[in-house]
Amino acid sequence: MFRPRPAQARILAWRGGKMGVSAVPGSGKTATLVALAARLVRAGGLAPGQEVLVVTLVNSAVNNVAARLAQELQDSSDQLPGMVGFRVRTLHGLANDVVKERPGLAGLAEDFRVIDEREARDIMQEAVDGWLRGNPEVAGNWLGESFQQNRKVLQQDWPHLMRDVAGRYIRQAKDEELDADHLRELLRGQGMSLPLADSCQAIFESYESGLRYRGGVDFSDLIRLALRVLKSDADYLARLQRRWPWILEDEAQDSSMLQERILRLLAGPQGNWARVGDPNQAINESYTTANPNFLRDFLEEADVASYDMPQSGRSAAAIYHLANGLIDWSLQHPQPDVRRRQPLEPPYVEPAPPDDPQKNPDDVDGYPHLHHEALSADEERSLVLRSLGHWLPQNPDSTVAVLLPTNASGSKLVEQLRAAGLPYRENLISTDGARAVSGSLCRSLEYLANPHHSAHLSQIYRVWRRDERDREDARRSIKSLTGHLRRLRRTEDYLWPAPGDDWLDDFCGPDASLRQHLDDFRRVLRRWQEAADLPIDQLLLTIGGDLFHTEMEVAMVWSLAVLMRQFAELHADARLPEFTSELRQIAAGRRRFLAMGEQDSGFDPEQHRGVVVVTTLHKAKGLEWDRVYLMSANTYDFPSAMDGDQYFAERWFVRDNLNLEAEVLAQLEALTKDAAYREGGPTRAARALLAAERLRLLYVGITRARRELVITWNTGRQGDMGEAMPVRALREAMAAERAP
């Protein structure tokens, strides 16, 4: 039974109009939203066909809110038979509903389809690759002099960067309701030199052609076109306004300008619209069009009833004291921002009331612990592994997570956890199991593309015996036999021997067991070679049937086969090397991959007690653990916009440390709003914005911990990174407070 705190009770007492709520971490935001929605369904005066509309950010949140709301209503004694009265949607899902009802107003065919992120990225890369082939000289305008002939930079780093830069240009253009044709006319008529915008415009047009060829729209189009439909059809808008007399928006700090405009239209000038979020947890601004200032401005509007939800029962006093100290540090170290907004602002986190059902955990002596020693990245991982090795046996019923800035750093830690034999659960961009399966399939395709190379033959033998490698005797056997296979001068002497000239006769001698074993392996490889001309999905299923046996692994093989079939449809000239490269990207964690059944599932830390959860700071948002390790708190991952800081948005191979994404957005603004543009200025301005977002990310990391928090830092690849400025300030303040 939900028992509201005083701040929550004020929100539940809302009777209409506009309301804005700033909710601190652990304040029960979702529980309050569900309780409010349930009250409105029961007593909001809904007519037949009307619903309370709840809008949130991601599909997993939709499932969570809908399930909790249905349960809340089912438990109500006054629940009417057959009563529903609510709808829970993501903003993109809501936009999709609108466009599907009026595709003609959006300029779309009835059978249009929505291109998912994965396919959209492939179309984008195809557009970038085509543009690069036709404009190889452009790289010289942006690459540092020493990298202009660097093969890796030209073939990998530069194409990937241009995909990211063009993607930002396109998303921003669509968020401003600008299409490719209009922008082309603006570029033709402007008198300034905007070379990066010129390049991205060409890619934009090619990308749009790719979407049209597939009869589809991307997620950015959905929002833009939904707004167009609502503005074009007043009768349709009025019907939607009647259908949804109450609108509740969750995670409002991550809303974009267009998303806000859609909800404003649906609510209407006199409508009932409640927005709940935490601007201090806005961590998506650097790679989306979201901006926490939209919510902050809304909270200050004259006709908006604004409330704080400051009480939180999640963390021990010492941990929320640390989080509040970070807010103070932000206010004391203002960053330049034309909006005069600071990265972190009140409300401060307050403890739950003494009689609250979610009582704050007690402090633990020595925590939070902010490690002061400068460590290399390897030393930092070793320190955390040793600490986990001591802590896990003593706390089998507690939850623990290691939070890292990137998927790549998470993958390195996972490798060491596995080597150390510590139990872990990975919650990164692709799971450890998915990467293992994709890695094995990748090596299988490498072999089929080069069947005469004994090195690939020996490697695929290791893959074939992948399930045995935990046994010492099997490891010795694998090592010995891979060595013999690697020394084969002609692999066909083993795989396809001439009559009377079988390599196995001499190698195995009288050992019938060994001969049977290697003969089994040979039959598998022959079957794969005979299947090599099949479509890629059938080939992968053939290989997977010989390598994988658990239900989860088989499901992953099926998902990867479907993914590779889609890749083949997009790249008609793709052959084994291209499929191998794509699987290698997934195996390395550089491609988003979700196996069957994982797409919409939420992650519950309580299901992984006594196991180390490894995840990124971004994916940790909304979750909590008893003990949290926050790693890599250095001046690279958490810069402070100070001289000497380095910024990952400024790629090492680009001249003059330019942030090309920031530069192209400024060129787009100059093109569409007659703003001044001077190269380098947007890069410097972007440093402050990035530092602000990373400070909020640090705040998110700190507030994931219930009882114990450990923060460590490393000196980076070159050994020249320092401790992040806010972390050092917090550590020194803690030391002063603890001093006798």
Foldseek 3Di string as FASTA:
>chain_A
DDDDDPQLVVVLPDLFDFAEEAEDPQLCVLVSVLSSLLCCLVPVPADPLAAAEEEEAALLVQVVSQVVNVVVLVPDPPRDPPRDRYHYYYLLRVLVVLCQVPVVLLVADNPADEDEPQVLLVLLLVLLVVLCVVCVPVVVVWFDPVCNPPPCCSPPVVSVLLSQQLVLLLLVCLLVVHALVNLVVLVVPDDDDQPSLVSSSSSRVSSVVVQVVRRYDYSSSSLSSSLSSLVVDVVVLVVLLSRHQAYEYEQLLFDAPSSVVNVCSSQDNRGGYYYYHHLLQHQCVVRHRGHSVVSVVVQPDPRYHYGYSQERLFAAPVLLVLLVLLLVVQVVQDDDDPVSDTLHHDDRHDYGPPPDPSHADHADPCPPAEDADAAALVVQLVVVVVVLVVVLVVFQQFFEEEAEAALLSLVVSVVVCVVVVAFAWEDELDGLLLLLLLVLLLLLLVCLVPVFQLLSVLVNLCLLCVVVCVDPVVVVVSVVVSVVSNPDPGNCLDQPNDVPRRPCCVVCPPPPVVSVVSVVVSVLNVVLNVCQPPPQLVSLLSNQVSRDDDPQSNQSSNQLSVVVNSVCVSPVPDHSVVSSVVSNCVSSVNDRGDTPPRRNHDDASSVPRSHYYYYYLVNCFPAATQEYEYEAQWCALQNQLDPPGQYVLQPPRTPPSFNSSQQNVVVVCCSPPVDDHDGPVSRSVVSNVSNSSSSSSVSSRSSRHRHHYYYYHHCDDVNNIGRHPSSVVSVVVVVVVPDD
